[in-house]
Amino acid sequence: MSWLERYVRPKIKALVGAKPEVPDNLWHKCDNCGQMIFHRDLVANHHVCQHCNHHMRLPAEQRLEMLFDGGEYDRAELPKTPLDPLKFRDRKRYSDRLKEAQAKQDTKTANKDAIIVAHGKMDGRAVVVAAFDFSFMGGSMGVAVGEGIVTAARLAVFQQAPLIIIPATGGARMQEGILSLMQMPRTVIAVQEVKEAGLPYFVLLTDPTTGGVSASFAMLGDIHIAEPGAVIGFAGRRVIEQTVKETLPDGFQTAEYLLEHGMVDIVAPRTQIRPTIIRLISLLMDGKAVEETPDEAAEGDLDIPESAESDSGPDKT
């Protein structure tokens, strides 16, 4: 065997036959228009489709980075809760489902359940934010989520800071039965403590906000802000139609429909959420609105209804 066959040919074959490693997640398909979006463009546009303006679901960590000054915040330590209080089992054990959900999360930002409680600054003012993580069992509310809401409310009172809750959930977690349902009155009492302390309580309704969450603290905010196209309701469309024996109007559970019928105060695009909340905090706590920065003015005027601007305190319901 010549030196060409022994040394050169294998190297040439290796170079020609080698296939470059291409990540599977470079492109994302829009659920609304079907267009393919490059992953860097998607992140830069805060997971909003640049073709049809469809607001996709945003990971909780990215949403927090988008809200806080410089994307910096501290996470509050949440109380430990029983792993499987009812020893529930369907096709598999509930404890195994929890472990699988935790294993799918990024190890650097691993969250033990479907909520993250963070505190930091927005426009230099202290705020507390509780954000749901829909990727964790559909953002369902169990004991751990209830503890998270209670912790966020008490932290807001302690810091004399506004409370912002961002639900993205399918409702109560069935694997915890009555214990998950009990989180509804617990969270209602928690946000009432914030209101009694004279602090603003905002709810940012994202897609989806349904079930026991929408039937409790999610609809008790001083001001409700929603993202465009977000599904907001209690039961699903099919269940309601079968119950009332009537055909419901198209889009009756969308943010725009609820705005038209007085259930939502503001529908704001994702890029305007932060400046909108900053203005509302200033209105409710200082009695005046902050001026637009040149960057905010370039993005367009904020559509804050007169009803929101006329309130001088956080007791609006």
C-alpha atoms as a PDB file:
ATOM      1  CA  MET A   1       0.000   0.000   0.000  1.00  0.00           C
ATOM      2  CA  SER A   2       1.397   3.344  -1.058  1.00  0.00           C
ATOM      3  CA  TRP A   3       1.708   6.301   1.260  1.00  0.00           C
ATOM      4  CA  LEU A   4      -1.105   8.030  -0.657  1.00  0.00           C
ATOM      5  CA  GLU A   5      -3.554   5.272   0.156  1.00  0.00           C
ATOM      6  CA  ARG A   6      -2.325   4.884   3.716  1.00  0.00           C
ATOM      7  CA  TYR A   7      -2.160   8.496   4.848  1.00  0.00           C
ATOM      8  CA  VAL A   8      -3.644  10.956   2.357  1.00  0.00           C
ATOM      9  CA  ARG A   9      -6.793   9.180   1.155  1.00  0.00           C
ATOM     10  CA  PRO A  10      -8.233   8.504   4.669  1.00  0.00           C
ATOM     11  CA  LYS A  11      -7.793  12.169   5.569  1.00  0.00           C
ATOM     12  CA  ILE A  12      -9.510  13.309   2.364  1.00  0.00           C
ATOM     13  CA  LYS A  13     -12.427  10.943   3.000  1.00  0.00           C
ATOM     14  CA  ALA A  14     -12.705  12.187   6.541  1.00  0.00           C
ATOM     15  CA  LEU A  15     -12.834  15.795   5.371  1.00  0.00           C
ATOM     16  CA  VAL A  16     -15.302  15.191   2.555  1.00  0.00           C
ATOM     17  CA  GLY A  17     -17.526  12.823   4.484  1.00  0.00           C
ATOM     18  CA  ALA A  18     -17.641  14.845   7.673  1.00  0.00           C
ATOM     19  CA  LYS A  19     -21.026  16.498   8.182  1.00  0.00           C
ATOM     20  CA  PRO A  20     -21.123  19.787  10.078  1.00  0.00           C
ATOM     21  CA  GLU A  21     -23.051  19.684  13.319  1.00  0.00           C
ATOM     22  CA  VAL A  22     -26.106  21.924  12.980  1.00  0.00           C
ATOM     23  CA  PRO A  23     -28.223  22.569  16.120  1.00  0.00           C
ATOM     24  CA  ASP A  24     -31.863  21.553  15.862  1.00  0.00           C
ATOM     25  CA  ASN A  25     -33.184  24.786  17.382  1.00  0.00           C
ATOM     26  CA  LEU A  26     -31.756  27.359  14.969  1.00  0.00           C
ATOM     27  CA  TRP A  27     -35.163  28.023  13.397  1.00  0.00           C
ATOM     28  CA  HIS A  28     -38.598  28.295  14.996  1.00  0.00           C
ATOM     29  CA  LYS A  29     -41.944  28.090  13.270  1.00  0.00           C
ATOM     30  CA  CYS A  30     -44.588  30.660  14.177  1.00  0.00           C
ATOM     31  CA  ASP A  31     -47.733  28.951  15.446  1.00  0.00           C
ATOM     32  CA  ASN A  32     -49.896  31.660  13.884  1.00  0.00           C
ATOM     33  CA  CYS A  33     -48.545  32.366  10.385  1.00  0.00           C
ATOM     34  CA  GLY A  34     -46.226  29.387   9.890  1.00  0.00           C
ATOM     35  CA  GLN A  35     -43.192  31.526   8.994  1.00  0.00           C
ATOM     36  CA  MET A  36     -39.736  30.313  10.018  1.00  0.00           C
ATOM     37  CA  ILE A  37     -37.842  32.650  12.365  1.00  0.00           C
ATOM     38  CA  PHE A  38     -34.115  32.532  13.096  1.00  0.00           C
ATOM     39  CA  HIS A  39     -33.525  31.899  16.776  1.00  0.00           C
ATOM     40  CA  ARG A  40     -31.440  35.026  17.318  1.00  0.00           C
ATOM     41  CA  ASP A  41     -34.110  37.192  15.725  1.00  0.00           C
ATOM     42  CA  LEU A  42     -36.728  35.532  17.914  1.00  0.00           C
ATOM     43  CA  VAL A  43     -34.807  36.254  21.117  1.00  0.00           C
ATOM     44  CA  ALA A  44     -34.005  39.824  20.045  1.00  0.00           C
ATOM     45  CA  ASN A  45     -37.705  40.442  19.389  1.00  0.00           C
ATOM     46  CA  HIS A  46     -38.765  38.967  22.763  1.00  0.00           C
ATOM     47  CA  HIS A  47     -40.420  35.925  21.136  1.00  0.00           C
ATOM     48  CA  VAL A  48     -42.774  38.054  19.029  1.00  0.00           C
ATOM     49  CA  CYS A  49     -43.172  37.000  15.394  1.00  0.00           C
ATOM     50  CA  GLN A  50     -41.727  39.681  13.123  1.00  0.00           C
ATOM     51  CA  HIS A  51     -44.089  38.640  10.327  1.00  0.00           C
ATOM     52  CA  CYS A  52     -47.516  38.628  12.006  1.00  0.00           C
ATOM     53  CA  ASN A  53     -46.826  40.118  15.483  1.00  0.00           C
ATOM     54  CA  HIS A  54     -47.951  36.904  17.165  1.00  0.00           C
ATOM     55  CA  HIS A  55     -46.853  36.880  20.821  1.00  0.00           C
ATOM     56  CA  MET A  56     -45.374  33.474  21.593  1.00  0.00           C
ATOM     57  CA  ARG A  57     -44.957  32.137  25.100  1.00  0.00           C
ATOM     58  CA  LEU A  58     -41.930  33.625  26.807  1.00  0.00           C
ATOM     59  CA  PRO A  59     -39.788  31.704  29.342  1.00  0.00           C
ATOM     60  CA  ALA A  60     -40.127  33.099  32.857  1.00  0.00           C
ATOM     61  CA  GLU A  61     -36.430  33.964  33.187  1.00  0.00           C
ATOM     62  CA  GLN A  62     -36.433  35.971  29.954  1.00  0.00           C
ATOM     63  CA  ARG A  63     -39.572  37.805  31.025  1.00  0.00           C
ATOM     64  CA  LEU A  64     -37.962  38.817  34.304  1.00  0.00           C
ATOM     65  CA  GLU A  65     -34.824  40.000  32.516  1.00  0.00           C
ATOM     66  CA  MET A  66     -37.018  42.081  30.221  1.00  0.00           C
ATOM     67  CA  LEU A  67     -38.773  43.819  33.150  1.00  0.00           C
ATOM     68  CA  PHE A  68     -36.001  44.590  35.632  1.00  0.00           C
ATOM     69  CA  ASP A  69     -33.408  47.336  35.228  1.00  0.00           C
ATOM     70  CA  GLY A  70     -30.446  45.920  33.350  1.00  0.00           C
ATOM     71  CA  GLY A  71     -32.062  42.487  33.491  1.00  0.00           C
ATOM     72  CA  GLU A  72     -30.752  42.076  37.043  1.00  0.00           C
ATOM     73  CA  TYR A  73     -32.827  40.700  39.887  1.00  0.00           C
ATOM     74  CA  ASP A  74     -32.628  38.507  42.978  1.00  0.00           C
ATOM     75  CA  ARG A  75     -34.702  35.388  43.393  1.00  0.00           C
ATOM     76  CA  ALA A  76     -36.556  34.897  46.664  1.00  0.00           C
ATOM     77  CA  GLU A  77     -36.162  31.596  48.440  1.00  0.00           C
ATOM     78  CA  LEU A  78     -39.500  29.810  48.620  1.00  0.00           C
ATOM     79  CA  PRO A  79     -40.647  27.557  51.485  1.00  0.00           C
ATOM     80  CA  LYS A  80     -40.247  23.833  51.016  1.00  0.00           C
ATOM     81  CA  THR A  81     -43.479  21.979  50.334  1.00  0.00           C
ATOM     82  CA  PRO A  82     -44.415  18.264  50.441  1.00  0.00           C
ATOM     83  CA  LEU A  83     -43.321  16.511  47.251  1.00  0.00           C
ATOM     84  CA  ASP A  84     -46.422  14.331  46.867  1.00  0.00           C
ATOM     85  CA  PRO A  85     -48.879  15.072  49.707  1.00  0.00           C
ATOM     86  CA  LEU A  86     -51.680  12.815  48.393  1.00  0.00           C
ATOM     87  CA  LYS A  87     -49.470  10.013  47.009  1.00  0.00           C
ATOM     88  CA  PHE A  88     -51.259  10.574  43.728  1.00  0.00           C
ATOM     89  CA  ARG A  89     -50.825   8.208  40.817  1.00  0.00           C
ATOM     90  CA  ASP A  90     -52.453   7.929  37.395  1.00  0.00           C
ATOM     91  CA  ARG A  91     -50.362   6.459  34.575  1.00  0.00           C
ATOM     92  CA  LYS A  92     -47.311   7.266  36.670  1.00  0.00           C
ATOM     93  CA  ARG A  93     -46.557   8.603  40.104  1.00  0.00           C
ATOM     94  CA  TYR A  94     -46.937  12.318  40.673  1.00  0.00           C
ATOM     95  CA  SER A  95     -43.511  12.426  42.314  1.00  0.00           C
ATOM     96  CA  ASP A  96     -42.014  11.019  39.117  1.00  0.00           C
ATOM     97  CA  ARG A  97     -43.785  13.670  37.036  1.00  0.00           C
ATOM     98  CA  LEU A  98     -42.297  16.390  39.226  1.00  0.00           C
ATOM     99  CA  LYS A  99     -38.811  14.949  38.868  1.00  0.00           C
ATOM    100  CA  GLU A 100     -39.195  14.742  35.094  1.00  0.00           C
ATOM    101  CA  ALA A 101     -40.368  18.365  34.915  1.00  0.00           C
ATOM    102  CA  GLN A 102     -37.426  19.504  37.015  1.00  0.00           C
ATOM    103  CA  ALA A 103     -34.978  17.480  34.910  1.00  0.00           C
ATOM    104  CA  LYS A 104     -36.120  19.245  31.709  1.00  0.00           C
ATOM    105  CA  GLN A 105     -35.193  22.643  33.067  1.00  0.00           C
ATOM    106  CA  ASP A 106     -31.907  24.418  32.551  1.00  0.00           C
ATOM    107  CA  THR A 107     -29.572  23.401  35.379  1.00  0.00           C
ATOM    108  CA  LYS A 108     -28.321  26.994  35.744  1.00  0.00           C
ATOM    109  CA  THR A 109     -31.802  28.426  36.280  1.00  0.00           C
ATOM    110  CA  ALA A 110     -33.553  25.334  37.589  1.00  0.00           C
ATOM    111  CA  ASN A 111     -36.833  26.091  39.315  1.00  0.00           C
ATOM    112  CA  LYS A 112     -38.379  23.527  41.630  1.00  0.00           C
ATOM    113  CA  ASP A 113     -41.909  24.360  40.566  1.00  0.00           C
ATOM    114  CA  ALA A 114     -44.024  26.514  38.260  1.00  0.00           C
ATOM    115  CA  ILE A 115     -43.301  29.933  39.778  1.00  0.00           C
ATOM    116  CA  ILE A 116     -40.343  32.249  40.248  1.00  0.00           C
ATOM    117  CA  VAL A 117     -40.453  35.081  42.786  1.00  0.00           C
ATOM    118  CA  ALA A 118     -37.955  37.838  42.112  1.00  0.00           C
ATOM    119  CA  HIS A 119     -37.274  41.309  43.441  1.00  0.00           C
ATOM    120  CA  GLY A 120     -35.229  44.152  42.018  1.00  0.00           C
ATOM    121  CA  LYS A 121     -35.585  47.596  40.479  1.00  0.00           C
ATOM    122  CA  MET A 122     -37.783  48.987  37.725  1.00  0.00           C
ATOM    123  CA  ASP A 123     -36.769  52.523  36.793  1.00  0.00           C
ATOM    124  CA  GLY A 124     -34.908  52.648  40.100  1.00  0.00           C
ATOM    125  CA  ARG A 125     -37.940  51.680  42.199  1.00  0.00           C
ATOM    126  CA  ALA A 126     -38.138  48.431  44.158  1.00  0.00           C
ATOM    127  CA  VAL A 127     -40.691  45.931  42.841  1.00  0.00           C
ATOM    128  CA  VAL A 128     -41.572  42.305  43.493  1.00  0.00           C
ATOM    129  CA  VAL A 129     -42.520  40.044  40.591  1.00  0.00           C
ATOM    130  CA  ALA A 130     -43.984  36.531  40.663  1.00  0.00           C
ATOM    131  CA  ALA A 131     -43.752  34.925  37.207  1.00  0.00           C
ATOM    132  CA  PHE A 132     -45.298  31.595  36.229  1.00  0.00           C
ATOM    133  CA  ASP A 133     -43.305  29.054  34.230  1.00  0.00           C
ATOM    134  CA  PHE A 134     -45.690  27.410  31.753  1.00  0.00           C
ATOM    135  CA  SER A 135     -43.083  24.835  30.733  1.00  0.00           C
ATOM    136  CA  PHE A 136     -43.327  23.311  34.229  1.00  0.00           C
ATOM    137  CA  MET A 137     -46.455  21.121  34.096  1.00  0.00           C
ATOM    138  CA  GLY A 138     -48.422  23.760  32.226  1.00  0.00           C
ATOM    139  CA  GLY A 139     -47.825  26.365  34.922  1.00  0.00           C
ATOM    140  CA  SER A 140     -50.368  24.586  37.109  1.00  0.00           C
ATOM    141  CA  MET A 141     -50.967  25.891  40.627  1.00  0.00           C
ATOM    142  CA  GLY A 142     -50.288  23.566  43.510  1.00  0.00           C
ATOM    143  CA  VAL A 143     -49.127  24.124  47.079  1.00  0.00           C
ATOM    144  CA  ALA A 144     -45.674  25.297  45.943  1.00  0.00           C
ATOM    145  CA  VAL A 145     -47.162  27.967  43.664  1.00  0.00           C
ATOM    146  CA  GLY A 146     -49.501  29.096  46.432  1.00  0.00           C
ATOM    147  CA  GLU A 147     -46.530  29.451  48.760  1.00  0.00           C
ATOM    148  CA  GLY A 148     -44.778  31.447  46.060  1.00  0.00           C
ATOM    149  CA  ILE A 149     -47.661  33.924  45.781  1.00  0.00           C
ATOM    150  CA  VAL A 150     -47.862  34.294  49.564  1.00  0.00           C
ATOM    151  CA  THR A 151     -44.088  34.835  49.737  1.00  0.00           C
ATOM    152  CA  ALA A 152     -44.224  37.456  46.975  1.00  0.00           C
ATOM    153  CA  ALA A 153     -47.058  39.340  48.676  1.00  0.00           C
ATOM    154  CA  ARG A 154     -45.339  39.401  52.058  1.00  0.00           C
ATOM    155  CA  LEU A 155     -42.047  40.438  50.470  1.00  0.00           C
ATOM    156  CA  ALA A 156     -43.823  43.314  48.715  1.00  0.00           C
ATOM    157  CA  VAL A 157     -45.323  44.488  52.005  1.00  0.00           C
ATOM    158  CA  PHE A 158     -41.947  44.179  53.740  1.00  0.00           C
ATOM    159  CA  GLN A 159     -40.174  46.193  51.031  1.00  0.00           C
ATOM    160  CA  GLN A 160     -43.124  48.571  50.561  1.00  0.00           C
ATOM    161  CA  ALA A 161     -42.924  47.711  46.889  1.00  0.00           C
ATOM    162  CA  PRO A 162     -45.555  47.160  44.183  1.00  0.00           C
ATOM    163  CA  LEU A 163     -46.459  43.544  43.463  1.00  0.00           C
ATOM    164  CA  ILE A 164     -46.596  42.255  39.889  1.00  0.00           C
ATOM    165  CA  ILE A 165     -47.893  38.760  39.150  1.00  0.00           C
ATOM    166  CA  ILE A 166     -47.523  37.234  35.693  1.00  0.00           C
ATOM    167  CA  PRO A 167     -49.710  34.135  35.314  1.00  0.00           C
ATOM    168  CA  ALA A 168     -49.186  31.681  32.457  1.00  0.00           C
ATOM    169  CA  THR A 169     -51.148  28.659  33.543  1.00  0.00           C
ATOM    170  CA  GLY A 170     -53.715  26.000  32.822  1.00  0.00           C
ATOM    171  CA  GLY A 171     -55.182  26.338  36.325  1.00  0.00           C
ATOM    172  CA  ALA A 172     -55.042  24.286  39.511  1.00  0.00           C
ATOM    173  CA  ARG A 173     -52.911  21.130  39.600  1.00  0.00           C
ATOM    174  CA  MET A 174     -55.205  18.118  39.718  1.00  0.00           C
ATOM    175  CA  GLN A 175     -52.549  15.838  41.237  1.00  0.00           C
ATOM    176  CA  GLU A 176     -52.800  17.795  44.488  1.00  0.00           C
ATOM    177  CA  GLY A 177     -56.604  17.732  44.639  1.00  0.00           C
ATOM    178  CA  ILE A 178     -58.233  19.859  47.313  1.00  0.00           C
ATOM    179  CA  LEU A 179     -54.832  21.166  48.404  1.00  0.00           C
ATOM    180  CA  SER A 180     -54.413  22.910  45.057  1.00  0.00           C
ATOM    181  CA  LEU A 181     -57.938  24.348  45.261  1.00  0.00           C
ATOM    182  CA  MET A 182     -57.164  25.748  48.706  1.00  0.00           C
ATOM    183  CA  GLN A 183     -54.480  27.911  47.114  1.00  0.00           C
ATOM    184  CA  MET A 184     -57.257  30.012  45.573  1.00  0.00           C
ATOM    185  CA  PRO A 185     -58.450  31.570  48.867  1.00  0.00           C
ATOM    186  CA  ARG A 186     -54.868  31.661  50.202  1.00  0.00           C
ATOM    187  CA  THR A 187     -53.644  33.733  47.269  1.00  0.00           C
ATOM    188  CA  VAL A 188     -56.691  36.015  47.455  1.00  0.00           C
ATOM    189  CA  ILE A 189     -55.884  36.776  51.097  1.00  0.00           C
ATOM    190  CA  ALA A 190     -52.223  37.317  50.192  1.00  0.00           C
ATOM    191  CA  VAL A 191     -52.933  39.984  47.558  1.00  0.00           C
ATOM    192  CA  GLN A 192     -55.466  41.594  49.895  1.00  0.00           C
ATOM    193  CA  GLU A 193     -52.635  42.143  52.376  1.00  0.00           C
ATOM    194  CA  VAL A 194     -50.775  44.035  49.664  1.00  0.00           C
ATOM    195  CA  LYS A 195     -53.792  46.238  48.995  1.00  0.00           C
ATOM    196  CA  GLU A 196     -54.371  46.887  52.698  1.00  0.00           C
ATOM    197  CA  ALA A 197     -50.764  48.086  52.888  1.00  0.00           C
ATOM    198  CA  GLY A 198     -51.635  50.710  50.260  1.00  0.00           C
ATOM    199  CA  LEU A 199     -49.389  49.163  47.598  1.00  0.00           C
ATOM    200  CA  PRO A 200     -50.253  48.695  43.917  1.00  0.00           C
ATOM    201  CA  TYR A 201     -50.983  45.199  42.671  1.00  0.00           C
ATOM    202  CA  PHE A 202     -50.633  44.610  38.923  1.00  0.00           C
ATOM    203  CA  VAL A 203     -51.489  41.492  36.941  1.00  0.00           C
ATOM    204  CA  LEU A 204     -49.882  40.894  33.566  1.00  0.00           C
ATOM    205  CA  LEU A 205     -52.148  38.392  31.823  1.00  0.00           C
ATOM    206  CA  THR A 206     -50.260  36.205  29.354  1.00  0.00           C
ATOM    207  CA  ASP A 207     -51.162  33.244  27.200  1.00  0.00           C
ATOM    208  CA  PRO A 208     -52.808  31.270  28.681  1.00  0.00           C
ATOM    209  CA  THR A 209     -54.415  32.377  31.954  1.00  0.00           C
ATOM    210  CA  THR A 210     -57.163  29.917  32.796  1.00  0.00           C
ATOM    211  CA  GLY A 211     -58.738  27.765  35.493  1.00  0.00           C
ATOM    212  CA  GLY A 212     -58.406  28.371  39.206  1.00  0.00           C
ATOM    213  CA  VAL A 213     -55.776  31.056  38.740  1.00  0.00           C
ATOM    214  CA  SER A 214     -58.098  33.256  36.661  1.00  0.00           C
ATOM    215  CA  ALA A 215     -60.852  32.537  39.219  1.00  0.00           C
ATOM    216  CA  SER A 216     -58.768  33.909  42.083  1.00  0.00           C
ATOM    217  CA  PHE A 217     -55.859  36.335  42.341  1.00  0.00           C
ATOM    218  CA  ALA A 218     -55.385  36.862  38.581  1.00  0.00           C
ATOM    219  CA  MET A 219     -58.590  38.878  38.314  1.00  0.00           C
ATOM    220  CA  LEU A 220     -58.136  40.950  41.477  1.00  0.00           C
ATOM    221  CA  GLY A 221     -55.440  43.334  40.304  1.00  0.00           C
ATOM    222  CA  ASP A 222     -55.698  47.086  40.659  1.00  0.00           C
ATOM    223  CA  ILE A 223     -54.879  47.199  36.952  1.00  0.00           C
ATOM    224  CA  HIS A 224     -54.933  44.310  34.489  1.00  0.00           C
ATOM    225  CA  ILE A 225     -52.523  44.407  31.570  1.00  0.00           C
ATOM    226  CA  ALA A 226     -52.706  41.745  28.868  1.00  0.00           C
ATOM    227  CA  GLU A 227     -50.525  40.787  25.935  1.00  0.00           C
ATOM    228  CA  PRO A 228     -52.112  40.787  22.466  1.00  0.00           C
ATOM    229  CA  GLY A 229     -53.956  37.585  21.628  1.00  0.00           C
ATOM    230  CA  ALA A 230     -53.585  36.067  25.099  1.00  0.00           C
ATOM    231  CA  VAL A 231     -56.218  33.462  25.973  1.00  0.00           C
ATOM    232  CA  ILE A 232     -57.857  34.424  29.262  1.00  0.00           C
ATOM    233  CA  GLY A 233     -60.770  32.575  30.835  1.00  0.00           C
ATOM    234  CA  PHE A 234     -61.885  29.874  33.217  1.00  0.00           C
ATOM    235  CA  ALA A 235     -63.140  26.842  31.287  1.00  0.00           C
ATOM    236  CA  GLY A 236     -62.448  25.993  27.677  1.00  0.00           C
ATOM    237  CA  ARG A 237     -64.680  27.043  24.803  1.00  0.00           C
ATOM    238  CA  ARG A 238     -66.045  23.551  24.139  1.00  0.00           C
ATOM    239  CA  VAL A 239     -66.946  22.973  27.794  1.00  0.00           C
ATOM    240  CA  ILE A 240     -68.775  26.305  28.006  1.00  0.00           C
ATOM    241  CA  GLU A 241     -70.715  25.722  24.794  1.00  0.00           C
ATOM    242  CA  GLN A 242     -71.791  22.267  25.937  1.00  0.00           C
ATOM    243  CA  THR A 243     -72.891  23.699  29.283  1.00  0.00           C
ATOM    244  CA  VAL A 244     -74.836  26.748  28.116  1.00  0.00           C
ATOM    245  CA  LYS A 245     -75.999  25.122  24.849  1.00  0.00           C
ATOM    246  CA  GLU A 246     -75.052  28.203  22.845  1.00  0.00           C
ATOM    247  CA  THR A 247     -72.472  29.082  20.234  1.00  0.00           C
ATOM    248  CA  LEU A 248     -69.954  31.565  21.602  1.00  0.00           C
ATOM    249  CA  PRO A 249     -68.551  34.470  19.550  1.00  0.00           C
ATOM    250  CA  ASP A 250     -65.152  34.097  17.934  1.00  0.00           C
ATOM    251  CA  GLY A 251     -62.274  35.212  20.099  1.00  0.00           C
ATOM    252  CA  PHE A 252     -64.427  35.690  23.179  1.00  0.00           C
ATOM    253  CA  GLN A 253     -61.578  34.613  25.474  1.00  0.00           C
ATOM    254  CA  THR A 254     -58.873  36.778  23.919  1.00  0.00           C
ATOM    255  CA  ALA A 255     -57.288  39.809  25.527  1.00  0.00           C
ATOM    256  CA  GLU A 256     -58.854  42.142  22.953  1.00  0.00           C
ATOM    257  CA  TYR A 257     -62.360  40.813  23.590  1.00  0.00           C
ATOM    258  CA  LEU A 258     -61.940  41.184  27.358  1.00  0.00           C
ATOM    259  CA  LEU A 259     -60.629  44.724  26.901  1.00  0.00           C
ATOM    260  CA  GLU A 260     -63.718  45.600  24.886  1.00  0.00           C
ATOM    261  CA  HIS A 261     -65.975  44.190  27.614  1.00  0.00           C
ATOM    262  CA  GLY A 262     -64.218  45.792  30.575  1.00  0.00           C
ATOM    263  CA  MET A 263     -62.395  42.788  32.034  1.00  0.00           C
ATOM    264  CA  VAL A 264     -58.938  44.053  31.039  1.00  0.00           C
ATOM    265  CA  ASP A 265     -57.637  47.615  31.401  1.00  0.00           C
ATOM    266  CA  ILE A 266     -54.777  47.655  28.895  1.00  0.00           C
ATOM    267  CA  VAL A 267     -53.627  45.465  26.016  1.00  0.00           C
ATOM    268  CA  ALA A 268     -50.000  46.326  25.339  1.00  0.00           C
ATOM    269  CA  PRO A 269     -47.412  44.772  23.011  1.00  0.00           C
ATOM    270  CA  ARG A 270     -44.555  43.013  24.749  1.00  0.00           C
ATOM    271  CA  THR A 271     -42.053  45.765  23.981  1.00  0.00           C
ATOM    272  CA  GLN A 272     -44.293  48.264  25.798  1.00  0.00           C
ATOM    273  CA  ILE A 273     -44.988  46.206  28.924  1.00  0.00           C
ATOM    274  CA  ARG A 274     -42.078  47.551  30.965  1.00  0.00           C
ATOM    275  CA  PRO A 275     -42.608  51.293  30.216  1.00  0.00           C
ATOM    276  CA  THR A 276     -46.354  50.842  30.747  1.00  0.00           C
ATOM    277  CA  ILE A 277     -45.886  49.304  34.199  1.00  0.00           C
ATOM    278  CA  ILE A 278     -43.315  51.944  35.151  1.00  0.00           C
ATOM    279  CA  ARG A 279     -45.778  54.719  34.267  1.00  0.00           C
ATOM    280  CA  LEU A 280     -48.606  53.059  36.160  1.00  0.00           C
ATOM    281  CA  ILE A 281     -46.464  52.614  39.268  1.00  0.00           C
ATOM    282  CA  SER A 282     -45.572  56.291  39.144  1.00  0.00           C
ATOM    283  CA  LEU A 283     -49.232  57.239  38.728  1.00  0.00           C
ATOM    284  CA  LEU A 284     -50.432  55.126  41.642  1.00  0.00           C
ATOM    285  CA  MET A 285     -47.585  55.787  44.069  1.00  0.00           C
ATOM    286  CA  ASP A 286     -46.524  59.327  43.160  1.00  0.00           C
ATOM    287  CA  GLY A 287     -49.678  60.656  41.529  1.00  0.00           C
ATOM    288  CA  LYS A 288     -47.853  61.578  38.334  1.00  0.00           C
ATOM    289  CA  ALA A 289     -46.674  59.938  35.139  1.00  0.00           C
ATOM    290  CA  VAL A 290     -43.036  59.665  34.131  1.00  0.00           C
ATOM    291  CA  GLU A 291     -41.936  61.237  30.889  1.00  0.00           C
ATOM    292  CA  GLU A 292     -41.183  59.142  27.842  1.00  0.00           C
ATOM    293  CA  THR A 293     -37.571  58.472  27.005  1.00  0.00           C
ATOM    294  CA  PRO A 294     -36.522  58.968  23.378  1.00  0.00           C
ATOM    295  CA  ASP A 295     -36.382  55.173  22.918  1.00  0.00           C
ATOM    296  CA  GLU A 296     -39.906  54.721  24.271  1.00  0.00           C
ATOM    297  CA  ALA A 297     -41.234  57.545  22.138  1.00  0.00           C
ATOM    298  CA  ALA A 298     -39.724  55.944  19.062  1.00  0.00           C
ATOM    299  CA  GLU A 299     -41.572  52.702  19.806  1.00  0.00           C
ATOM    300  CA  GLY A 300     -44.930  54.498  19.800  1.00  0.00           C
ATOM    301  CA  ASP A 301     -47.269  56.117  22.280  1.00  0.00           C
ATOM    302  CA  LEU A 302     -48.460  54.025  25.177  1.00  0.00           C
ATOM    303  CA  ASP A 303     -52.160  53.318  25.040  1.00  0.00           C
ATOM    304  CA  ILE A 304     -53.082  53.892  28.690  1.00  0.00           C
ATOM    305  CA  PRO A 305     -56.825  54.442  29.098  1.00  0.00           C
ATOM    306  CA  GLU A 306     -58.028  57.563  30.862  1.00  0.00           C
ATOM    307  CA  SER A 307     -59.580  55.378  33.538  1.00  0.00           C
ATOM    308  CA  ALA A 308     -56.129  54.134  34.482  1.00  0.00           C
ATOM    309  CA  GLU A 309     -54.600  57.596  34.532  1.00  0.00           C
ATOM    310  CA  SER A 310     -57.370  59.112  36.648  1.00  0.00           C
ATOM    311  CA  ASP A 311     -56.884  56.792  39.599  1.00  0.00           C
ATOM    312  CA  SER A 312     -54.618  58.169  42.289  1.00  0.00           C
ATOM    313  CA  GLY A 313     -54.554  55.089  44.524  1.00  0.00           C
ATOM    314  CA  PRO A 314     -54.172  51.311  44.231  1.00  0.00           C
ATOM    315  CA  ASP A 315     -57.705  50.481  45.403  1.00  0.00           C
ATOM    316  CA  LYS A 316     -59.140  50.240  41.893  1.00  0.00           C
ATOM    317  CA  THR A 317     -60.927  46.977  41.240  1.00  0.00           C
END
